[in-house]
């Protein structure tokens, strides 16, 4: 769950930075030519920003996937152990019942 939160935080920081940069450039008291130049530079930086965002999201997805697989493996192992224990207990009870049916004078052993 913390991986999801940190991934969301990273996305928020990157998007917020981009929006803040563009807003700051639009509201700055500069001549039109200079503002257009700054906007062009910012637009040129967007592919790199998108690539960084993509890499960050991929890393978060990989971490989440690994975590989910580990939890699944742990759950599957516990389930196997529970099924084995249940089968062993059923077998033991079956043997006790069989013994009591074969010799009704003897009390069942536990």
PDB file of N, CA and C in Angstrom:
ATOM      1  N   UNK A   1       0.818  -1.175   0.000  1.00  0.00           N
ATOM      2  CA  UNK A   1       0.000   0.000   0.000  1.00  0.00           C
ATOM      3  C   UNK A   1       0.870   1.250   0.000  1.00  0.00           C
ATOM      4  N   UNK A   2       1.971   1.253   0.708  1.00  0.00           N
ATOM      5  CA  UNK A   2       2.842   2.421   0.726  1.00  0.00           C
ATOM      6  C   UNK A   2       3.482   2.626  -0.636  1.00  0.00           C
ATOM      7  N   UNK A   3       3.702   1.547  -1.414  1.00  0.00           N
ATOM      8  CA  UNK A   3       4.230   1.689  -2.765  1.00  0.00           C
ATOM      9  C   UNK A   3       3.264   2.480  -3.632  1.00  0.00           C
ATOM     10  N   UNK A   4       1.982   2.212  -3.497  1.00  0.00           N
ATOM     11  CA  UNK A   4       0.967   2.922  -4.261  1.00  0.00           C
ATOM     12  C   UNK A   4       0.958   4.400  -3.882  1.00  0.00           C
ATOM     13  N   UNK A   5       1.072   4.670  -2.592  1.00  0.00           N
ATOM     14  CA  UNK A   5       1.078   6.063  -2.138  1.00  0.00           C
ATOM     15  C   UNK A   5       2.309   6.805  -2.642  1.00  0.00           C
ATOM     16  N   UNK A   6       3.472   6.170  -2.598  1.00  0.00           N
ATOM     17  CA  UNK A   6       4.681   6.853  -3.054  1.00  0.00           C
ATOM     18  C   UNK A   6       4.635   7.057  -4.558  1.00  0.00           C
ATOM     19  N   UNK A   7       4.060   6.103  -5.299  1.00  0.00           N
ATOM     20  CA  UNK A   7       3.918   6.263  -6.744  1.00  0.00           C
ATOM     21  C   UNK A   7       2.993   7.414  -7.074  1.00  0.00           C
ATOM     22  N   UNK A   8       1.902   7.519  -6.349  1.00  0.00           N
ATOM     23  CA  UNK A   8       0.963   8.611  -6.548  1.00  0.00           C
ATOM     24  C   UNK A   8       1.619   9.940  -6.201  1.00  0.00           C
ATOM     25  N   UNK A   9       2.419   9.946  -5.162  1.00  0.00           N
ATOM     26  CA  UNK A   9       3.118  11.166  -4.765  1.00  0.00           C
ATOM     27  C   UNK A   9       4.080  11.617  -5.862  1.00  0.00           C
ATOM     28  N   UNK A  10       4.835  10.678  -6.429  1.00  0.00           N
ATOM     29  CA  UNK A  10       5.799  11.011  -7.489  1.00  0.00           C
ATOM     30  C   UNK A  10       5.069  11.591  -8.691  1.00  0.00           C
ATOM     31  N   UNK A  11       3.969  10.957  -9.088  1.00  0.00           N
ATOM     32  CA  UNK A  11       3.185  11.465 -10.213  1.00  0.00           C
ATOM     33  C   UNK A  11       2.684  12.871  -9.906  1.00  0.00           C
ATOM     34  N   UNK A  12       2.189  13.082  -8.706  1.00  0.00           N
ATOM     35  CA  UNK A  12       1.698  14.393  -8.321  1.00  0.00           C
ATOM     36  C   UNK A  12       2.777  15.460  -8.357  1.00  0.00           C
ATOM     37  N   UNK A  13       3.964  15.108  -7.891  1.00  0.00           N
ATOM     38  CA  UNK A  13       5.076  16.069  -7.902  1.00  0.00           C
ATOM     39  C   UNK A  13       5.453  16.434  -9.332  1.00  0.00           C
ATOM     40  N   UNK A  14       5.547  15.428 -10.199  1.00  0.00           N
ATOM     41  CA  UNK A  14       5.947  15.696 -11.583  1.00  0.00           C
ATOM     42  C   UNK A  14       4.896  16.517 -12.325  1.00  0.00           C
ATOM     43  N   UNK A  15       3.647  16.144 -12.199  1.00  0.00           N
ATOM     44  CA  UNK A  15       2.580  16.891 -12.870  1.00  0.00           C
ATOM     45  C   UNK A  15       2.469  18.293 -12.280  1.00  0.00           C
ATOM     46  N   UNK A  16       2.549  18.396 -10.972  1.00  0.00           N
ATOM     47  CA  UNK A  16       2.487  19.706 -10.333  1.00  0.00           C
ATOM     48  C   UNK A  16       3.632  20.614 -10.758  1.00  0.00           C
ATOM     49  N   UNK A  17       4.807  20.033 -10.907  1.00  0.00           N
ATOM     50  CA  UNK A  17       5.958  20.820 -11.365  1.00  0.00           C
ATOM     51  C   UNK A  17       5.731  21.349 -12.772  1.00  0.00           C
ATOM     52  N   UNK A  18       5.226  20.497 -13.648  1.00  0.00           N
ATOM     53  CA  UNK A  18       4.984  20.925 -15.028  1.00  0.00           C
ATOM     54  C   UNK A  18       3.920  22.016 -15.084  1.00  0.00           C
ATOM     55  N   UNK A  19       2.825  21.817 -14.376  1.00  0.00           N
ATOM     56  CA  UNK A  19       1.748  22.814 -14.370  1.00  0.00           C
ATOM     57  C   UNK A  19       2.235  24.116 -13.744  1.00  0.00           C
ATOM     58  N   UNK A  20       2.978  24.024 -12.665  1.00  0.00           N
ATOM     59  CA  UNK A  20       3.507  25.219 -12.012  1.00  0.00           C
ATOM     60  C   UNK A  20       4.463  25.990 -12.905  1.00  0.00           C
ATOM     61  N   UNK A  21       5.282  25.271 -13.647  1.00  0.00           N
ATOM     62  CA  UNK A  21       6.226  25.928 -14.560  1.00  0.00           C
ATOM     63  C   UNK A  21       5.482  26.690 -15.646  1.00  0.00           C
ATOM     64  N   UNK A  22       4.531  26.037 -16.281  1.00  0.00           N
ATOM     65  CA  UNK A  22       3.778  26.692 -17.353  1.00  0.00           C
ATOM     66  C   UNK A  22       2.985  27.876 -16.809  1.00  0.00           C
ATOM     67  N   UNK A  23       2.349  27.707 -15.672  1.00  0.00           N
ATOM     68  CA  UNK A  23       1.577  28.801 -15.072  1.00  0.00           C
ATOM     69  C   UNK A  23       2.484  29.972 -14.720  1.00  0.00           C
ATOM     70  N   UNK A  24       3.626  29.660 -14.137  1.00  0.00           N
ATOM     71  CA  UNK A  24       4.572  30.722 -13.789  1.00  0.00           C
ATOM     72  C   UNK A  24       5.064  31.473 -15.009  1.00  0.00           C
ATOM     73  N   UNK A  25       5.314  30.754 -16.083  1.00  0.00           N
ATOM     74  CA  UNK A  25       5.771  31.411 -17.311  1.00  0.00           C
ATOM     75  C   UNK A  25       4.679  32.299 -17.912  1.00  0.00           C
ATOM     76  N   UNK A  26       3.447  31.820 -17.861  1.00  0.00           N
ATOM     77  CA  UNK A  26       2.350  32.593 -18.440  1.00  0.00           C
ATOM     78  C   UNK A  26       2.056  33.861 -17.630  1.00  0.00           C
ATOM     79  N   UNK A  27       2.254  33.794 -16.334  1.00  0.00           N
ATOM     80  CA  UNK A  27       1.935  34.937 -15.484  1.00  0.00           C
ATOM     81  C   UNK A  27       3.125  35.869 -15.250  1.00  0.00           C
ATOM     82  N   UNK A  28       4.302  35.465 -15.678  1.00  0.00           N
ATOM     83  CA  UNK A  28       5.498  36.280 -15.441  1.00  0.00           C
ATOM     84  C   UNK A  28       5.469  37.520 -16.335  1.00  0.00           C
ATOM     85  N   UNK A  29       5.893  38.655 -15.778  1.00  0.00           N
ATOM     86  CA  UNK A  29       5.916  39.898 -16.571  1.00  0.00           C
ATOM     87  C   UNK A  29       7.143  39.932 -17.492  1.00  0.00           C
ATOM     88  N   UNK A  30       7.050  39.220 -18.623  1.00  0.00           N
ATOM     89  CA  UNK A  30       8.153  39.172 -19.585  1.00  0.00           C
ATOM     90  C   UNK A  30       7.598  39.528 -20.964  1.00  0.00           C
ATOM     91  N   UNK A  31       8.478  39.946 -21.834  1.00  0.00           N
ATOM     92  CA  UNK A  31       8.037  40.187 -23.216  1.00  0.00           C
ATOM     93  C   UNK A  31       7.573  38.880 -23.865  1.00  0.00           C
ATOM     94  N   UNK A  32       6.715  38.980 -24.854  1.00  0.00           N
ATOM     95  CA  UNK A  32       6.151  37.809 -25.523  1.00  0.00           C
ATOM     96  C   UNK A  32       7.200  36.882 -26.101  1.00  0.00           C
ATOM     97  N   UNK A  33       8.230  37.446 -26.736  1.00  0.00           N
ATOM     98  CA  UNK A  33       9.270  36.627 -27.355  1.00  0.00           C
ATOM     99  C   UNK A  33       9.990  35.786 -26.295  1.00  0.00           C
ATOM    100  N   UNK A  34      10.324  36.410 -25.184  1.00  0.00           N
ATOM    101  CA  UNK A  34      11.026  35.694 -24.112  1.00  0.00           C
ATOM    102  C   UNK A  34      10.128  34.607 -23.513  1.00  0.00           C
ATOM    103  N   UNK A  35       8.855  34.928 -23.317  1.00  0.00           N
ATOM    104  CA  UNK A  35       7.919  33.941 -22.773  1.00  0.00           C
ATOM    105  C   UNK A  35       7.771  32.762 -23.725  1.00  0.00           C
ATOM    106  N   UNK A  36       7.657  33.054 -25.027  1.00  0.00           N
ATOM    107  CA  UNK A  36       7.546  31.964 -26.006  1.00  0.00           C
ATOM    108  C   UNK A  36       8.797  31.096 -25.996  1.00  0.00           C
ATOM    109  N   UNK A  37       9.941  31.725 -25.854  1.00  0.00           N
ATOM    110  CA  UNK A  37      11.200  30.972 -25.799  1.00  0.00           C
ATOM    111  C   UNK A  37      11.216  30.044 -24.573  1.00  0.00           C
ATOM    112  N   UNK A  38      10.804  30.578 -23.433  1.00  0.00           N
ATOM    113  CA  UNK A  38      10.760  29.757 -22.221  1.00  0.00           C
ATOM    114  C   UNK A  38       9.742  28.621 -22.345  1.00  0.00           C
ATOM    115  N   UNK A  39       8.591  28.918 -22.965  1.00  0.00           N
ATOM    116  CA  UNK A  39       7.591  27.868 -23.182  1.00  0.00           C
ATOM    117  C   UNK A  39       8.136  26.779 -24.105  1.00  0.00           C
ATOM    118  N   UNK A  40       8.877  27.198 -25.119  1.00  0.00           N
ATOM    119  CA  UNK A  40       9.464  26.227 -26.047  1.00  0.00           C
ATOM    120  C   UNK A  40      10.454  25.330 -25.315  1.00  0.00           C
ATOM    121  N   UNK A  41      11.290  25.930 -24.466  1.00  0.00           N
ATOM    122  CA  UNK A  41      12.248  25.130 -23.697  1.00  0.00           C
ATOM    123  C   UNK A  41      11.522  24.165 -22.766  1.00  0.00           C
ATOM    124  N   UNK A  42      10.450  24.657 -22.153  1.00  0.00           N
ATOM    125  CA  UNK A  42       9.673  23.787 -21.264  1.00  0.00           C
ATOM    126  C   UNK A  42       9.035  22.648 -22.048  1.00  0.00           C
ATOM    127  N   UNK A  43       8.512  22.950 -23.221  1.00  0.00           N
ATOM    128  CA  UNK A  43       7.895  21.914 -24.057  1.00  0.00           C
ATOM    129  C   UNK A  43       8.933  20.889 -24.499  1.00  0.00           C
ATOM    130  N   UNK A  44      10.150  21.346 -24.749  1.00  0.00           N
ATOM    131  CA  UNK A  44      11.213  20.418 -25.147  1.00  0.00           C
ATOM    132  C   UNK A  44      11.602  19.494 -23.994  1.00  0.00           C
ATOM    133  N   UNK A  45      11.404  19.968 -22.771  1.00  0.00           N
ATOM    134  CA  UNK A  45      11.740  19.150 -21.599  1.00  0.00           C
ATOM    135  C   UNK A  45      10.642  18.136 -21.269  1.00  0.00           C
ATOM    136  N   UNK A  46       9.453  18.303 -21.840  1.00  0.00           N
ATOM    137  CA  UNK A  46       8.342  17.405 -21.525  1.00  0.00           C
ATOM    138  C   UNK A  46       8.615  15.940 -21.871  1.00  0.00           C
ATOM    139  N   UNK A  47       9.217  15.614 -23.017  1.00  0.00           N
ATOM    140  CA  UNK A  47       9.486  14.191 -23.283  1.00  0.00           C
ATOM    141  C   UNK A  47      10.374  13.549 -22.215  1.00  0.00           C
ATOM    142  N   UNK A  48      11.374  14.285 -21.759  1.00  0.00           N
ATOM    143  CA  UNK A  48      12.242  13.750 -20.707  1.00  0.00           C
ATOM    144  C   UNK A  48      11.453  13.578 -19.408  1.00  0.00           C
ATOM    145  N   UNK A  49      10.599  14.544 -19.121  1.00  0.00           N
ATOM    146  CA  UNK A  49       9.752  14.452 -17.932  1.00  0.00           C
ATOM    147  C   UNK A  49       8.815  13.247 -18.042  1.00  0.00           C
ATOM    148  N   UNK A  50       8.236  13.055 -19.215  1.00  0.00           N
ATOM    149  CA  UNK A  50       7.345  11.908 -19.429  1.00  0.00           C
ATOM    150  C   UNK A  50       8.117  10.596 -19.307  1.00  0.00           C
ATOM    151  N   UNK A  51       9.338  10.580 -19.803  1.00  0.00           N
ATOM    152  CA  UNK A  51      10.165   9.375 -19.695  1.00  0.00           C
ATOM    153  C   UNK A  51      10.485   9.069 -18.232  1.00  0.00           C
ATOM    154  N   UNK A  52      10.822  10.096 -17.472  1.00  0.00           N
ATOM    155  CA  UNK A  52      11.083   9.906 -16.041  1.00  0.00           C
ATOM    156  C   UNK A  52       9.833   9.400 -15.324  1.00  0.00           C
ATOM    157  N   UNK A  53       8.697   9.979 -15.672  1.00  0.00           N
ATOM    158  CA  UNK A  53       7.436   9.555 -15.077  1.00  0.00           C
ATOM    159  C   UNK A  53       7.141   8.101 -15.431  1.00  0.00           C
ATOM    160  N   UNK A  54       7.356   7.755 -16.680  1.00  0.00           N
ATOM    161  CA  UNK A  54       7.129   6.378 -17.125  1.00  0.00           C
ATOM    162  C   UNK A  54       8.039   5.405 -16.384  1.00  0.00           C
ATOM    163  N   UNK A  55       9.305   5.761 -16.243  1.00  0.00           N
ATOM    164  CA  UNK A  55      10.249   4.893 -15.532  1.00  0.00           C
ATOM    165  C   UNK A  55       9.840   4.738 -14.068  1.00  0.00           C
ATOM    166  N   UNK A  56       9.412   5.829 -13.467  1.00  0.00           N
ATOM    167  CA  UNK A  56       8.977   5.775 -12.070  1.00  0.00           C
ATOM    168  C   UNK A  56       7.746   4.890 -11.912  1.00  0.00           C
ATOM    169  N   UNK A  57       6.796   5.043 -12.815  1.00  0.00           N
ATOM    170  CA  UNK A  57       5.588   4.217 -12.754  1.00  0.00           C
ATOM    171  C   UNK A  57       5.911   2.748 -12.988  1.00  0.00           C
ATOM    172  N   UNK A  58       6.832   2.472 -13.913  1.00  0.00           N
ATOM    173  CA  UNK A  58       7.221   1.088 -14.174  1.00  0.00           C
ATOM    174  C   UNK A  58       7.876   0.476 -12.941  1.00  0.00           C
ATOM    175  N   UNK A  59       8.725   1.248 -12.280  1.00  0.00           N
ATOM    176  CA  UNK A  59       9.375   0.767 -11.061  1.00  0.00           C
ATOM    177  C   UNK A  59       8.336   0.464  -9.982  1.00  0.00           C
ATOM    178  N   UNK A  60       7.379   1.358  -9.816  1.00  0.00           N
ATOM    179  CA  UNK A  60       6.325   1.143  -8.824  1.00  0.00           C
ATOM    180  C   UNK A  60       5.495  -0.090  -9.176  1.00  0.00           C
ATOM    181  N   UNK A  61       5.188  -0.269 -10.457  1.00  0.00           N
ATOM    182  CA  UNK A  61       4.412  -1.440 -10.884  1.00  0.00           C
ATOM    183  C   UNK A  61       5.193  -2.721 -10.634  1.00  0.00           C
ATOM    184  N   UNK A  62       6.491  -2.700 -10.909  1.00  0.00           N
ATOM    185  CA  UNK A  62       7.323  -3.881 -10.657  1.00  0.00           C
ATOM    186  C   UNK A  62       7.350  -4.226  -9.171  1.00  0.00           C
ATOM    187  N   UNK A  63       7.503  -3.222  -8.339  1.00  0.00           N
ATOM    188  CA  UNK A  63       7.517  -3.464  -6.889  1.00  0.00           C
ATOM    189  C   UNK A  63       6.181  -4.029  -6.417  1.00  0.00           C
ATOM    190  N   UNK A  64       5.097  -3.458  -6.915  1.00  0.00           N
ATOM    191  CA  UNK A  64       3.774  -3.936  -6.532  1.00  0.00           C
ATOM    192  C   UNK A  64       3.575  -5.374  -6.989  1.00  0.00           C
ATOM    193  N   UNK A  65       4.004  -5.670  -8.202  1.00  0.00           N
ATOM    194  CA  UNK A  65       3.864  -7.021  -8.748  1.00  0.00           C
ATOM    195  C   UNK A  65       4.648  -8.030  -7.918  1.00  0.00           C
ATOM    196  N   UNK A  66       5.883  -7.689  -7.586  1.00  0.00           N
ATOM    197  CA  UNK A  66       6.704  -8.584  -6.762  1.00  0.00           C
ATOM    198  C   UNK A  66       6.053  -8.818  -5.399  1.00  0.00           C
ATOM    199  N   UNK A  67       5.544  -7.755  -4.812  1.00  0.00           N
ATOM    200  CA  UNK A  67       4.902  -7.859  -3.503  1.00  0.00           C
ATOM    201  C   UNK A  67       3.650  -8.735  -3.582  1.00  0.00           C
ATOM    202  N   UNK A  68       2.851  -8.545  -4.614  1.00  0.00           N
ATOM    203  CA  UNK A  68       1.628  -9.341  -4.771  1.00  0.00           C
ATOM    204  C   UNK A  68       1.965 -10.812  -4.994  1.00  0.00           C
ATOM    205  N   UNK A  69       2.987 -11.082  -5.807  1.00  0.00           N
ATOM    206  CA  UNK A  69       3.379 -12.476  -6.044  1.00  0.00           C
ATOM    207  C   UNK A  69       3.878 -13.136  -4.768  1.00  0.00           C
ATOM    208  N   UNK A  70       4.643 -12.402  -3.970  1.00  0.00           N
ATOM    209  CA  UNK A  70       5.141 -12.976  -2.719  1.00  0.00           C
ATOM    210  C   UNK A  70       3.984 -13.280  -1.776  1.00  0.00           C
ATOM    211  N   UNK A  71       3.041 -12.351  -1.661  1.00  0.00           N
ATOM    212  CA  UNK A  71       1.876 -12.594  -0.799  1.00  0.00           C
ATOM    213  C   UNK A  71       1.075 -13.788  -1.306  1.00  0.00           C
ATOM    214  N   UNK A  72       0.929 -13.912  -2.615  1.00  0.00           N
ATOM    215  CA  UNK A  72       0.196 -15.037  -3.182  1.00  0.00           C
ATOM    216  C   UNK A  72       0.918 -16.344  -2.866  1.00  0.00           C
ATOM    217  N   UNK A  73       2.235 -16.363  -3.050  1.00  0.00           N
ATOM    218  CA  UNK A  73       3.009 -17.575  -2.751  1.00  0.00           C
ATOM    219  C   UNK A  73       2.883 -17.957  -1.277  1.00  0.00           C
ATOM    220  N   UNK A  74       2.957 -16.968  -0.394  1.00  0.00           N
ATOM    221  CA  UNK A  74       2.815 -17.234   1.044  1.00  0.00           C
ATOM    222  C   UNK A  74       1.429 -17.801   1.360  1.00  0.00           C
ATOM    223  N   UNK A  75       0.406 -17.213   0.771  1.00  0.00           N
ATOM    224  CA  UNK A  75      -0.961 -17.680   1.001  1.00  0.00           C
ATOM    225  C   UNK A  75      -1.146 -19.094   0.464  1.00  0.00           C
ATOM    226  N   UNK A  76      -0.612 -19.356  -0.700  1.00  0.00           N
ATOM    227  CA  UNK A  76      -0.716 -20.688  -1.297  1.00  0.00           C
ATOM    228  C   UNK A  76      -0.016 -21.732  -0.433  1.00  0.00           C
ATOM    229  N   UNK A  77       1.140 -21.388   0.111  1.00  0.00           N
ATOM    230  CA  UNK A  77       1.867 -22.319   0.980  1.00  0.00           C
ATOM    231  C   UNK A  77       1.065 -22.600   2.251  1.00  0.00           C
ATOM    232  N   UNK A  78       0.485 -21.568   2.849  1.00  0.00           N
ATOM    233  CA  UNK A  78      -0.339 -21.773   4.049  1.00  0.00           C
ATOM    234  C   UNK A  78      -1.554 -22.639   3.740  1.00  0.00           C
ATOM    235  N   UNK A  79      -2.139 -22.442   2.572  1.00  0.00           N
ATOM    236  CA  UNK A  79      -3.288 -23.250   2.168  1.00  0.00           C
ATOM    237  C   UNK A  79      -2.887 -24.713   2.006  1.00  0.00           C
ATOM    238  N   UNK A  80      -1.747 -24.948   1.380  1.00  0.00           N
ATOM    239  CA  UNK A  80      -1.260 -26.330   1.226  1.00  0.00           C
ATOM    240  C   UNK A  80      -1.040 -26.988   2.586  1.00  0.00           C
ATOM    241  N   UNK A  81      -0.437 -26.256   3.510  1.00  0.00           N
ATOM    242  CA  UNK A  81      -0.204 -26.791   4.854  1.00  0.00           C
ATOM    243  C   UNK A  81      -1.524 -27.106   5.553  1.00  0.00           C
ATOM    244  N   UNK A  82      -2.510 -26.230   5.395  1.00  0.00           N
ATOM    245  CA  UNK A  82      -3.814 -26.451   6.029  1.00  0.00           C
ATOM    246  C   UNK A  82      -4.512 -27.670   5.431  1.00  0.00           C
ATOM    247  N   UNK A  83      -4.429 -27.832   4.117  1.00  0.00           N
ATOM    248  CA  UNK A  83      -5.047 -28.994   3.471  1.00  0.00           C
ATOM    249  C   UNK A  83      -4.368 -30.273   3.933  1.00  0.00           C
ATOM    250  N   UNK A  84      -3.045 -30.255   4.011  1.00  0.00           N
ATOM    251  CA  UNK A  84      -2.305 -31.434   4.474  1.00  0.00           C
ATOM    252  C   UNK A  84      -2.683 -31.776   5.910  1.00  0.00           C
ATOM    253  N   UNK A  85      -2.730 -30.769   6.775  1.00  0.00           N
ATOM    254  CA  UNK A  85      -3.098 -31.007   8.176  1.00  0.00           C
ATOM    255  C   UNK A  85      -4.525 -31.543   8.274  1.00  0.00           C
ATOM    256  N   UNK A  86      -5.427 -31.010   7.481  1.00  0.00           N
ATOM    257  CA  UNK A  86      -6.806 -31.488   7.484  1.00  0.00           C
ATOM    258  C   UNK A  86      -6.904 -32.928   7.009  1.00  0.00           C
ATOM    259  N   UNK A  87      -6.147 -33.268   5.972  1.00  0.00           N
ATOM    260  CA  UNK A  87      -6.154 -34.642   5.464  1.00  0.00           C
ATOM    261  C   UNK A  87      -5.593 -35.606   6.504  1.00  0.00           C
ATOM    262  N   UNK A  88      -4.526 -35.194   7.188  1.00  0.00           N
ATOM    263  CA  UNK A  88      -3.936 -36.048   8.231  1.00  0.00           C
ATOM    264  C   UNK A  88      -4.911 -36.240   9.392  1.00  0.00           C
ATOM    265  N   UNK A  89      -5.587 -35.175   9.797  1.00  0.00           N
ATOM    266  CA  UNK A  89      -6.557 -35.275  10.893  1.00  0.00           C
ATOM    267  C   UNK A  89      -7.735 -36.161  10.486  1.00  0.00           C
ATOM    268  N   UNK A  90      -8.186 -36.030   9.246  1.00  0.00           N
ATOM    269  CA  UNK A  90      -9.290 -36.869   8.771  1.00  0.00           C
ATOM    270  C   UNK A  90      -8.873 -38.335   8.741  1.00  0.00           C
ATOM    271  N   UNK A  91      -7.643 -38.592   8.310  1.00  0.00           N
ATOM    272  CA  UNK A  91      -7.131 -39.973   8.274  1.00  0.00           C
ATOM    273  C   UNK A  91      -7.063 -40.556   9.691  1.00  0.00           C
ATOM    274  N   UNK A  92      -6.601 -39.774  10.640  1.00  0.00           N
ATOM    275  CA  UNK A  92      -6.507 -40.245  12.024  1.00  0.00           C
ATOM    276  C   UNK A  92      -7.900 -40.550  12.575  1.00  0.00           C
ATOM    277  N   UNK A  93      -8.860 -39.690  12.314  1.00  0.00           N
ATOM    278  CA  UNK A  93     -10.229 -39.922  12.780  1.00  0.00           C
ATOM    279  C   UNK A  93     -10.845 -41.143  12.097  1.00  0.00           C
ATOM    280  N   UNK A  94     -10.533 -41.322  10.829  1.00  0.00           N
ATOM    281  CA  UNK A  94     -11.024 -42.491  10.095  1.00  0.00           C
ATOM    282  C   UNK A  94     -10.489 -43.778  10.709  1.00  0.00           C
ATOM    283  N   UNK A  95      -9.217 -43.762  11.079  1.00  0.00           N
ATOM    284  CA  UNK A  95      -8.614 -44.949  11.698  1.00  0.00           C
ATOM    285  C   UNK A  95      -9.253 -45.235  13.058  1.00  0.00           C
ATOM    286  N   UNK A  96      -9.483 -44.185  13.851  1.00  0.00           N
ATOM    287  CA  UNK A  96     -10.140 -44.376  15.148  1.00  0.00           C
ATOM    288  C   UNK A  96     -11.549 -44.947  14.973  1.00  0.00           C
ATOM    289  N   UNK A  97     -12.266 -44.426  14.013  1.00  0.00           N
ATOM    290  CA  UNK A  97     -13.614 -44.917  13.754  1.00  0.00           C
ATOM    291  C   UNK A  97     -13.579 -46.370  13.280  1.00  0.00           C
ATOM    292  N   UNK A  98     -12.634 -46.681  12.421  1.00  0.00           N
ATOM    293  CA  UNK A  98     -12.491 -48.052  11.924  1.00  0.00           C
ATOM    294  C   UNK A  98     -12.184 -49.012  13.074  1.00  0.00           C
ATOM    295  N   UNK A  99     -11.311 -48.584  13.983  1.00  0.00           N
ATOM    296  CA  UNK A  99     -10.971 -49.427  15.136  1.00  0.00           C
ATOM    297  C   UNK A  99     -12.193 -49.654  16.020  1.00  0.00           C
ATOM    298  N   UNK A 100     -12.966 -48.610  16.248  1.00  0.00           N
ATOM    299  CA  UNK A 100     -14.144 -48.765  17.110  1.00  0.00           C
ATOM    300  C   UNK A 100     -15.208 -49.631  16.437  1.00  0.00           C
ATOM    301  N   UNK A 101     -15.284 -49.617  15.132  1.00  0.00           N
ATOM    302  CA  UNK A 101     -16.233 -50.476  14.425  1.00  0.00           C
ATOM    303  C   UNK A 101     -15.777 -51.937  14.435  1.00  0.00           C
ATOM    304  N   UNK A 102     -14.470 -52.152  14.350  1.00  0.00           N
ATOM    305  CA  UNK A 102     -13.921 -53.511  14.345  1.00  0.00           C
ATOM    306  C   UNK A 102     -14.000 -54.158  15.725  1.00  0.00           C
ATOM    307  N   UNK A 103     -13.817 -53.385  16.778  1.00  0.00           N
ATOM    308  CA  UNK A 103     -13.827 -53.927  18.141  1.00  0.00           C
ATOM    309  C   UNK A 103     -14.673 -53.012  19.023  1.00  0.00           C
ATOM    310  N   UNK A 104     -15.989 -53.210  19.044  1.00  0.00           N
ATOM    311  CA  UNK A 104     -16.861 -52.299  19.792  1.00  0.00           C
ATOM    312  C   UNK A 104     -16.678 -52.373  21.299  1.00  0.00           C
ATOM    313  N   UNK A 105     -15.974 -53.369  21.821  1.00  0.00           N
ATOM    314  CA  UNK A 105     -15.772 -53.463  23.268  1.00  0.00           C
ATOM    315  C   UNK A 105     -14.665 -52.542  23.745  1.00  0.00           C
ATOM    316  N   UNK A 106     -13.782 -52.150  22.861  1.00  0.00           N
ATOM    317  CA  UNK A 106     -12.672 -51.263  23.225  1.00  0.00           C
ATOM    318  C   UNK A 106     -13.099 -49.808  23.018  1.00  0.00           C
ATOM    319  N   UNK A 107     -12.806 -48.946  24.005  1.00  0.00           N
ATOM    320  CA  UNK A 107     -13.093 -47.521  23.795  1.00  0.00           C
ATOM    321  C   UNK A 107     -12.118 -46.964  22.751  1.00  0.00           C
ATOM    322  N   UNK A 108     -12.537 -45.995  21.977  1.00  0.00           N
ATOM    323  CA  UNK A 108     -11.642 -45.423  20.959  1.00  0.00           C
ATOM    324  C   UNK A 108     -10.425 -44.762  21.605  1.00  0.00           C
ATOM    325  N   UNK A 109      -9.283 -44.945  20.982  1.00  0.00           N
ATOM    326  CA  UNK A 109      -8.036 -44.323  21.465  1.00  0.00           C
ATOM    327  C   UNK A 109      -7.897 -42.950  20.835  1.00  0.00           C
ATOM    328  N   UNK A 110      -7.306 -42.089  21.611  1.00  0.00           N
ATOM    329  CA  UNK A 110      -7.087 -40.734  21.088  1.00  0.00           C
ATOM    330  C   UNK A 110      -5.653 -40.392  21.106  1.00  0.00           C
TER     331      UNK A 110
END
